N, C-alpha and C. Protein backbone atom coordinates (compact mmCIF):
# COMPACT_ATOMS: atom_id res chain seq x y z
N UNK A 1 -31.77 261.05 126.22
CA UNK A 1 -32.23 259.68 126.31
C UNK A 1 -30.82 258.82 126.49
N UNK A 2 -30.71 258.10 127.55
CA UNK A 2 -29.52 257.37 127.49
C UNK A 2 -29.74 255.97 127.00
N UNK A 3 -28.82 255.25 126.70
CA UNK A 3 -29.15 253.94 126.07
C UNK A 3 -29.97 253.05 127.00
N UNK A 4 -29.80 253.00 128.24
CA UNK A 4 -30.82 252.25 129.21
C UNK A 4 -32.17 252.67 128.92
N UNK A 5 -32.41 254.16 128.90
CA UNK A 5 -33.73 254.45 128.82
C UNK A 5 -34.43 254.45 127.53
N UNK A 6 -33.73 254.08 126.49
CA UNK A 6 -34.24 253.91 125.17
C UNK A 6 -34.86 252.53 124.87
N UNK A 7 -36.32 252.50 124.53
CA UNK A 7 -36.85 251.29 124.42
C UNK A 7 -36.33 250.50 123.12
N UNK A 8 -35.72 251.02 122.26
CA UNK A 8 -35.30 250.42 121.07
C UNK A 8 -33.86 249.59 121.28
N UNK A 9 -33.44 249.98 122.36
CA UNK A 9 -32.12 249.25 122.95
C UNK A 9 -32.56 248.32 124.06
N UNK A 10 -32.69 246.98 123.62
CA UNK A 10 -33.15 246.08 124.62
C UNK A 10 -31.86 245.66 125.40
N UNK A 11 -32.06 244.98 126.66
CA UNK A 11 -31.09 244.61 127.65
C UNK A 11 -30.22 243.70 126.85
N UNK A 12 -28.85 243.84 127.06
CA UNK A 12 -27.88 243.09 126.25
C UNK A 12 -27.59 243.32 124.98
N UNK A 13 -28.34 244.34 124.21
CA UNK A 13 -28.35 244.39 122.85
C UNK A 13 -27.40 245.70 122.48
N UNK A 14 -27.16 246.45 123.60
CA UNK A 14 -26.32 247.67 123.29
C UNK A 14 -24.74 247.32 122.86
N UNK A 15 -24.42 248.09 121.63
CA UNK A 15 -23.06 247.80 121.34
C UNK A 15 -22.23 248.85 121.92
N UNK A 16 -21.07 248.45 122.33
CA UNK A 16 -19.97 249.36 122.90
C UNK A 16 -19.72 250.61 121.93
N UNK A 17 -19.66 251.66 122.59
CA UNK A 17 -19.47 253.08 121.52
C UNK A 17 -18.43 253.01 120.68
N UNK A 18 -17.23 252.38 121.22
CA UNK A 18 -16.10 252.13 120.11
C UNK A 18 -16.41 251.31 118.95
N UNK A 19 -17.15 250.18 119.30
CA UNK A 19 -17.58 249.19 118.07
C UNK A 19 -18.46 249.98 117.19
N UNK A 20 -19.35 250.69 117.71
CA UNK A 20 -20.44 251.46 116.75
C UNK A 20 -19.55 252.52 115.92
N UNK A 21 -18.56 253.09 116.62
CA UNK A 21 -18.00 254.21 115.78
C UNK A 21 -16.92 253.47 114.85
N UNK A 22 -16.62 252.20 114.97
CA UNK A 22 -15.79 251.64 114.19
C UNK A 22 -16.60 251.22 112.86
N UNK A 23 -17.82 250.73 112.94
CA UNK A 23 -18.69 250.26 111.88
C UNK A 23 -19.18 251.41 111.25
N UNK A 24 -19.71 252.58 111.85
CA UNK A 24 -20.10 253.69 111.31
C UNK A 24 -19.13 254.36 110.51
N UNK A 25 -17.72 254.46 110.80
CA UNK A 25 -16.69 254.84 109.97
C UNK A 25 -16.48 253.86 108.64
N UNK A 26 -16.64 252.68 108.66
CA UNK A 26 -16.58 251.83 107.75
C UNK A 26 -17.63 252.10 106.64
N UNK A 27 -18.99 252.35 107.24
CA UNK A 27 -20.00 252.56 106.32
C UNK A 27 -19.88 253.86 105.67
N UNK A 28 -19.46 254.97 106.43
CA UNK A 28 -19.30 256.22 105.86
C UNK A 28 -18.32 256.31 104.61
N UNK A 29 -17.16 255.56 104.79
CA UNK A 29 -16.20 255.43 103.70
C UNK A 29 -16.49 254.57 102.53
N UNK A 30 -17.62 253.69 102.45
CA UNK A 30 -18.08 252.87 101.41
C UNK A 30 -19.06 253.64 100.68
N UNK A 31 -19.19 253.19 99.41
CA UNK A 31 -20.19 253.77 98.51
C UNK A 31 -21.50 253.23 98.82
N UNK A 32 -22.63 253.71 98.32
CA UNK A 32 -23.97 253.05 98.36
C UNK A 32 -23.91 251.73 97.63
N UNK A 33 -23.24 251.56 96.37
CA UNK A 33 -23.30 250.43 95.66
C UNK A 33 -22.57 249.19 96.26
N UNK A 34 -21.43 249.68 96.97
CA UNK A 34 -20.75 248.64 97.93
C UNK A 34 -21.49 248.06 98.91
N UNK A 35 -22.26 248.85 99.85
CA UNK A 35 -23.03 248.34 100.98
C UNK A 35 -24.28 247.80 100.24
N UNK A 36 -24.94 248.00 99.29
CA UNK A 36 -26.10 247.25 98.72
C UNK A 36 -25.50 245.91 98.29
N UNK A 37 -24.29 245.78 97.64
CA UNK A 37 -23.86 244.64 96.94
C UNK A 37 -23.73 243.65 98.35
N UNK A 38 -23.05 244.18 99.57
CA UNK A 38 -22.96 243.31 100.79
C UNK A 38 -24.34 242.87 101.29
N UNK A 39 -25.05 243.91 101.31
CA UNK A 39 -26.52 243.73 101.98
C UNK A 39 -27.20 242.49 101.29
N UNK A 40 -27.03 242.37 100.06
CA UNK A 40 -27.72 241.39 99.22
C UNK A 40 -27.44 239.88 99.54
N UNK A 41 -26.14 239.88 100.32
CA UNK A 41 -25.75 238.58 100.70
C UNK A 41 -26.54 238.00 101.95
N UNK A 42 -27.17 239.00 102.49
CA UNK A 42 -27.98 238.59 103.82
C UNK A 42 -29.41 238.24 103.31
N UNK A 43 -30.25 237.45 104.31
CA UNK A 43 -31.54 237.34 104.07
C UNK A 43 -32.19 238.87 104.06
N UNK A 44 -33.46 238.87 103.19
CA UNK A 44 -34.10 240.19 103.00
C UNK A 44 -34.08 240.89 104.42
N UNK A 45 -33.65 242.31 104.46
CA UNK A 45 -33.76 242.91 105.81
C UNK A 45 -35.10 243.01 106.15
N UNK A 46 -35.41 243.31 107.39
CA UNK A 46 -36.82 243.50 107.90
C UNK A 46 -37.33 244.89 107.45
N UNK A 47 -38.51 245.01 107.30
CA UNK A 47 -39.07 246.39 107.03
C UNK A 47 -38.61 247.50 107.89
N UNK A 48 -38.47 248.48 107.21
CA UNK A 48 -37.81 249.64 107.99
C UNK A 48 -38.60 250.90 107.39
N UNK A 49 -38.78 251.87 108.24
CA UNK A 49 -39.42 253.23 108.24
C UNK A 49 -38.21 254.12 108.26
N UNK A 50 -38.38 255.28 107.43
CA UNK A 50 -37.70 256.33 107.62
C UNK A 50 -38.20 257.38 108.55
N UNK A 51 -37.13 257.71 109.24
CA UNK A 51 -37.68 258.71 110.50
C UNK A 51 -37.29 260.17 110.06
N UNK A 52 -36.02 260.42 109.43
CA UNK A 52 -35.71 261.49 108.99
C UNK A 52 -34.80 261.30 107.79
N UNK A 53 -35.17 262.13 106.69
CA UNK A 53 -34.27 262.12 105.39
C UNK A 53 -34.46 260.81 104.60
N UNK A 54 -33.48 260.73 103.55
CA UNK A 54 -32.18 261.08 103.66
C UNK A 54 -32.35 262.62 103.18
N UNK A 55 -31.64 263.51 103.71
CA UNK A 55 -31.52 264.96 103.43
C UNK A 55 -30.20 265.53 103.25
N UNK A 56 -29.82 266.26 102.60
CA UNK A 56 -28.52 266.78 102.39
C UNK A 56 -28.56 268.15 102.84
N UNK A 57 -27.23 268.47 103.28
CA UNK A 57 -27.01 270.02 103.75
C UNK A 57 -25.55 270.10 103.82
N UNK A 58 -25.20 271.36 104.78
CA UNK A 58 -23.81 271.57 104.75
C UNK A 58 -23.46 271.57 106.12
N UNK A 59 -22.20 271.28 106.40
CA UNK A 59 -21.62 271.51 107.87
C UNK A 59 -20.32 272.19 107.59
N UNK A 60 -20.07 272.88 108.62
CA UNK A 60 -18.71 273.68 108.63
C UNK A 60 -17.73 272.82 109.23
N UNK A 61 -16.58 272.82 108.40
CA UNK A 61 -15.41 272.04 108.79
C UNK A 61 -14.42 273.04 109.36
N UNK A 62 -13.93 272.79 110.85
CA UNK A 62 -13.10 273.49 111.39
C UNK A 62 -11.68 273.00 111.35
N UNK A 63 -10.65 273.75 111.67
CA UNK A 63 -9.23 273.58 111.43
C UNK A 63 -8.63 274.24 112.53
N UNK A 64 -7.27 273.73 112.78
CA UNK A 64 -6.48 274.36 113.86
C UNK A 64 -5.02 274.66 112.97
N UNK A 65 -4.59 275.69 113.10
CA UNK A 65 -3.42 275.97 112.51
C UNK A 65 -2.13 275.49 113.62
N UNK A 66 -1.26 274.58 112.90
CA UNK A 66 -0.20 274.08 113.65
C UNK A 66 -0.56 273.01 114.75
N UNK A 67 -1.84 272.62 114.72
CA UNK A 67 -2.17 271.54 115.57
C UNK A 67 -2.69 272.00 117.11
N UNK A 68 -2.05 273.36 117.35
CA UNK A 68 -2.45 273.86 118.74
C UNK A 68 -2.94 275.30 118.60
N UNK A 69 -3.05 275.69 117.53
CA UNK A 69 -3.42 277.09 117.53
C UNK A 69 -5.00 277.25 117.56
N UNK A 70 -5.44 278.40 117.29
CA UNK A 70 -6.90 278.73 117.44
C UNK A 70 -7.59 278.08 116.37
N UNK A 71 -8.85 277.48 116.60
CA UNK A 71 -9.57 277.03 115.73
C UNK A 71 -9.92 278.08 114.66
N UNK A 72 -10.30 277.66 113.38
CA UNK A 72 -10.74 278.61 112.40
C UNK A 72 -11.62 277.72 111.36
N UNK A 73 -12.58 278.40 110.80
CA UNK A 73 -13.41 277.84 109.72
C UNK A 73 -12.73 277.41 108.47
N UNK A 74 -12.59 276.26 108.20
CA UNK A 74 -11.89 275.87 106.91
C UNK A 74 -12.63 275.94 105.73
N UNK A 75 -14.08 275.72 105.82
CA UNK A 75 -14.93 275.72 104.68
C UNK A 75 -16.20 274.79 105.10
N UNK A 76 -16.96 274.69 104.13
CA UNK A 76 -18.28 274.06 104.14
C UNK A 76 -18.03 272.64 103.43
N UNK A 77 -18.79 271.64 104.06
CA UNK A 77 -18.82 270.25 103.12
C UNK A 77 -20.31 269.64 103.07
N UNK A 78 -20.52 269.18 102.10
CA UNK A 78 -21.87 268.45 101.86
C UNK A 78 -21.96 267.31 102.51
N UNK A 79 -23.02 267.13 103.25
CA UNK A 79 -23.38 265.91 104.21
C UNK A 79 -24.61 265.53 104.13
N UNK A 80 -25.10 264.31 103.84
CA UNK A 80 -26.22 263.53 103.78
C UNK A 80 -26.52 262.70 104.96
N UNK A 81 -27.68 263.00 105.70
CA UNK A 81 -27.95 262.32 106.81
C UNK A 81 -29.42 261.52 106.70
N UNK A 82 -29.44 260.35 107.53
CA UNK A 82 -30.69 259.69 107.42
C UNK A 82 -30.81 258.93 108.70
N UNK A 83 -32.20 258.73 109.03
CA UNK A 83 -32.56 257.78 110.23
C UNK A 83 -33.55 256.89 110.01
N UNK A 84 -33.37 255.65 110.29
CA UNK A 84 -34.38 254.66 109.89
C UNK A 84 -34.83 254.10 111.13
N UNK A 85 -35.87 253.30 111.56
CA UNK A 85 -36.34 252.47 112.51
C UNK A 85 -36.81 251.21 111.93
N UNK A 86 -36.26 250.10 112.51
CA UNK A 86 -36.68 248.64 111.80
C UNK A 86 -38.06 248.46 112.82
N UNK A 87 -38.75 247.53 111.87
CA UNK A 87 -39.99 247.13 112.68
C UNK A 87 -39.95 246.75 114.03
N UNK A 88 -38.84 245.96 114.39
CA UNK A 88 -38.86 245.57 115.85
C UNK A 88 -38.40 246.66 116.65
N UNK A 89 -38.06 247.95 116.13
CA UNK A 89 -37.64 249.04 116.95
C UNK A 89 -36.32 249.60 116.94
N UNK A 90 -35.21 248.91 116.79
CA UNK A 90 -33.80 249.40 116.70
C UNK A 90 -33.83 250.66 115.71
N UNK A 91 -33.17 251.69 115.99
CA UNK A 91 -33.06 253.11 115.28
C UNK A 91 -31.46 253.10 114.76
N UNK A 92 -31.62 253.22 113.46
CA UNK A 92 -30.03 253.26 112.97
C UNK A 92 -30.01 254.89 112.22
N UNK A 93 -28.77 255.56 112.40
CA UNK A 93 -28.54 256.68 111.93
C UNK A 93 -27.33 256.65 111.14
N UNK A 94 -27.22 257.64 110.18
CA UNK A 94 -26.06 257.71 109.32
C UNK A 94 -25.79 259.22 109.03
N UNK A 95 -24.44 259.56 108.88
CA UNK A 95 -24.09 260.87 108.17
C UNK A 95 -23.11 260.39 107.27
N UNK A 96 -23.12 260.87 106.06
CA UNK A 96 -22.04 260.37 105.10
C UNK A 96 -21.76 261.69 104.25
N UNK A 97 -20.34 261.53 103.75
CA UNK A 97 -19.96 262.85 103.16
C UNK A 97 -20.50 262.86 101.71
N UNK A 98 -20.96 263.99 101.24
CA UNK A 98 -21.54 264.07 99.84
C UNK A 98 -23.05 264.11 99.66
N UNK A 99 -23.37 263.58 98.45
CA UNK A 99 -24.95 263.68 98.22
C UNK A 99 -25.52 262.52 98.00
N UNK A 100 -24.90 261.37 98.19
CA UNK A 100 -25.42 260.03 98.08
C UNK A 100 -26.67 259.61 98.99
N UNK A 101 -27.75 259.69 98.71
CA UNK A 101 -28.89 259.46 99.54
C UNK A 101 -29.02 257.95 99.73
N UNK A 102 -28.83 257.12 98.77
CA UNK A 102 -28.81 255.78 98.96
C UNK A 102 -27.71 255.43 99.83
N UNK A 103 -26.61 255.81 99.79
CA UNK A 103 -25.56 255.47 100.77
C UNK A 103 -26.13 255.68 102.16
N UNK A 104 -26.68 256.83 102.46
CA UNK A 104 -27.07 257.41 103.75
C UNK A 104 -28.10 256.51 104.33
N UNK A 105 -29.05 255.98 103.41
CA UNK A 105 -30.18 255.11 103.85
C UNK A 105 -29.67 253.78 104.23
N UNK A 106 -28.91 253.40 103.31
CA UNK A 106 -28.40 251.91 103.60
C UNK A 106 -27.58 251.84 104.75
N UNK A 107 -26.53 252.90 105.02
CA UNK A 107 -25.71 253.03 106.05
C UNK A 107 -26.65 252.92 107.62
N UNK A 108 -27.57 253.94 107.48
CA UNK A 108 -28.46 254.06 108.49
C UNK A 108 -29.35 252.30 108.80
N UNK A 109 -29.72 251.92 107.70
CA UNK A 109 -30.01 250.52 107.77
C UNK A 109 -29.26 249.50 108.42
N UNK A 110 -28.14 249.58 108.01
CA UNK A 110 -26.86 248.64 108.67
C UNK A 110 -26.77 248.75 109.95
N UNK A 111 -26.76 250.48 110.39
CA UNK A 111 -26.70 250.63 111.79
C UNK A 111 -27.59 250.00 112.59
N UNK A 112 -28.97 250.08 112.13
CA UNK A 112 -30.08 249.68 112.88
C UNK A 112 -29.86 248.10 113.09
N UNK A 113 -29.60 247.44 111.94
CA UNK A 113 -29.30 245.76 112.10
C UNK A 113 -28.26 245.55 112.97
N UNK A 114 -27.06 246.38 113.18
CA UNK A 114 -26.24 246.08 113.99
C UNK A 114 -26.45 246.23 115.64
N UNK A 115 -27.63 247.11 115.68
CA UNK A 115 -28.12 247.51 116.91
C UNK A 115 -28.96 246.13 117.58
N UNK A 116 -29.25 245.22 116.78
CA UNK A 116 -29.80 243.92 117.21
C UNK A 116 -28.84 242.82 117.51
N UNK A 117 -28.62 242.38 118.67
CA UNK A 117 -27.64 241.35 119.06
C UNK A 117 -27.86 240.01 118.31
N UNK A 118 -29.08 239.75 117.96
CA UNK A 118 -29.35 238.66 117.20
C UNK A 118 -28.62 238.65 115.75
N UNK A 119 -28.82 239.84 115.10
CA UNK A 119 -28.33 239.98 113.74
C UNK A 119 -26.78 240.43 113.54
N UNK A 120 -26.33 241.06 114.85
CA UNK A 120 -25.10 241.54 114.80
C UNK A 120 -23.85 240.76 114.09
N UNK A 121 -23.83 239.49 114.54
CA UNK A 121 -22.72 238.65 113.97
C UNK A 121 -22.92 238.40 112.56
N UNK A 122 -24.01 238.07 112.00
CA UNK A 122 -24.49 237.88 110.64
C UNK A 122 -23.87 239.18 109.55
N UNK A 123 -24.55 240.39 110.20
CA UNK A 123 -24.07 241.60 109.64
C UNK A 123 -22.69 241.98 109.61
N UNK A 124 -22.18 241.67 110.70
CA UNK A 124 -20.65 242.01 110.82
C UNK A 124 -19.96 241.26 109.69
N UNK A 125 -20.34 239.91 109.63
CA UNK A 125 -19.37 238.98 108.91
C UNK A 125 -19.72 239.23 107.24
N UNK A 126 -20.98 239.63 107.04
CA UNK A 126 -21.37 239.67 105.62
C UNK A 126 -21.48 241.23 104.95
N UNK A 127 -21.19 242.22 106.04
CA UNK A 127 -21.18 243.47 105.38
C UNK A 127 -20.05 244.21 105.79
N UNK A 128 -19.80 244.30 107.30
CA UNK A 128 -18.90 245.20 107.77
C UNK A 128 -17.31 244.69 107.52
N UNK A 129 -17.14 243.49 107.83
CA UNK A 129 -15.71 242.93 107.59
C UNK A 129 -15.37 243.04 106.05
N UNK A 130 -16.19 242.44 104.99
CA UNK A 130 -15.71 242.59 103.62
C UNK A 130 -15.59 244.12 103.42
N UNK A 131 -16.27 245.03 103.77
CA UNK A 131 -16.21 246.67 103.65
C UNK A 131 -14.74 246.99 104.15
N UNK A 132 -14.60 246.57 105.40
CA UNK A 132 -13.20 246.87 106.13
C UNK A 132 -12.17 246.40 105.23
N UNK A 133 -12.18 245.07 104.81
CA UNK A 133 -11.07 244.46 104.20
C UNK A 133 -10.89 245.16 102.79
N UNK A 134 -11.75 245.66 102.02
CA UNK A 134 -11.69 246.29 100.76
C UNK A 134 -11.00 247.81 100.92
N UNK A 135 -11.39 248.35 102.02
CA UNK A 135 -10.88 249.79 102.47
C UNK A 135 -9.39 249.77 102.85
N UNK A 136 -9.12 248.64 103.60
CA UNK A 136 -7.80 248.49 103.87
C UNK A 136 -6.86 248.05 102.68
N UNK A 137 -7.37 247.22 101.76
CA UNK A 137 -6.58 246.91 100.63
C UNK A 137 -6.48 248.20 99.76
N UNK A 138 -7.41 249.05 99.62
CA UNK A 138 -7.32 250.37 99.10
C UNK A 138 -6.27 251.35 99.58
N UNK A 139 -6.26 251.21 100.95
CA UNK A 139 -5.07 252.06 101.68
C UNK A 139 -3.91 251.52 101.56
N UNK A 140 -3.64 250.25 101.62
CA UNK A 140 -2.37 249.38 101.34
C UNK A 140 -1.79 249.85 99.95
N UNK A 141 -2.71 249.86 99.02
CA UNK A 141 -2.41 249.94 97.47
C UNK A 141 -1.85 251.40 97.41
N UNK A 142 -2.69 252.31 98.05
CA UNK A 142 -2.15 253.82 97.95
C UNK A 142 -0.80 254.00 98.50
N UNK A 143 -0.70 253.54 99.82
CA UNK A 143 0.55 253.44 100.51
C UNK A 143 1.62 252.91 99.62
N UNK A 144 1.49 251.68 98.95
CA UNK A 144 2.55 251.05 98.14
C UNK A 144 3.01 251.94 97.07
N UNK A 145 2.03 252.65 96.28
CA UNK A 145 2.27 253.45 95.34
C UNK A 145 3.18 254.62 95.88
N UNK A 146 2.69 255.26 96.99
CA UNK A 146 3.46 256.38 97.41
C UNK A 146 4.77 256.02 97.99
N UNK A 147 5.04 254.82 98.37
CA UNK A 147 6.22 254.29 98.88
C UNK A 147 7.23 254.19 97.73
N UNK A 148 6.81 253.92 96.40
CA UNK A 148 7.47 253.54 95.43
C UNK A 148 8.05 254.95 94.99
N UNK A 149 7.57 256.13 95.38
CA UNK A 149 8.13 257.51 95.01
C UNK A 149 9.05 258.20 96.07
N UNK A 150 9.20 257.51 97.00
CA UNK A 150 9.95 257.97 98.22
C UNK A 150 11.42 258.15 97.72
N UNK A 151 11.90 259.42 98.22
CA UNK A 151 13.28 259.65 98.05
C UNK A 151 13.92 259.56 99.35
N UNK A 152 15.19 258.81 99.10
CA UNK A 152 15.98 258.42 100.23
C UNK A 152 17.06 259.60 100.22
N UNK A 153 16.88 260.70 101.22
CA UNK A 153 17.80 261.61 101.31
C UNK A 153 19.18 261.32 101.73
N UNK A 154 19.10 260.58 102.75
CA UNK A 154 20.26 260.11 103.21
C UNK A 154 21.25 259.47 102.19
N UNK A 155 20.70 258.59 101.40
CA UNK A 155 21.35 257.90 100.19
C UNK A 155 22.05 258.89 99.31
N UNK A 156 21.12 260.04 98.90
CA UNK A 156 21.67 261.27 97.94
C UNK A 156 22.91 261.78 98.80
N UNK A 157 22.74 262.03 100.07
CA UNK A 157 23.78 262.76 100.68
C UNK A 157 25.20 261.88 100.35
N UNK A 158 25.13 260.68 100.60
CA UNK A 158 26.24 259.83 100.79
C UNK A 158 26.79 259.80 99.32
N UNK A 159 26.01 260.10 98.31
CA UNK A 159 26.45 260.01 96.79
C UNK A 159 27.28 261.16 96.49
N UNK A 160 27.27 262.26 96.99
CA UNK A 160 28.16 263.33 96.86
C UNK A 160 29.53 263.17 97.05
């Protein structure tokens, strides 16, 4: 079913695939508690029904040797998925690493809310943007701590 055939996606409501990929990545990296705290800033979300899950299973993680070698099975990873439908029709999906069923359901709910053009801006500013900022701050902190341990080999060579 393409986006134009889906009755849940009304004309003008469809988000660009790159936008959806961005917010789904942010939701997948957030914890269930972080998503719940951000959702609390919004008016009560509309009623939603679970279409699937949350259910936990395993997926095979594939790798490549040297970046261009033949693919190989690296190992299995636990994943939780969930699909919800809002009363108005938009459907949200989520796959998250680990066993956090609450995170998967909340991520699917936010995905469904982001499918509605009327709610998208409010959800973006109250949920997605703060989560993205917090994740960027954590990445910067890790990079800052790693940079503090960087060895300058050129300087060591000149000291001889």
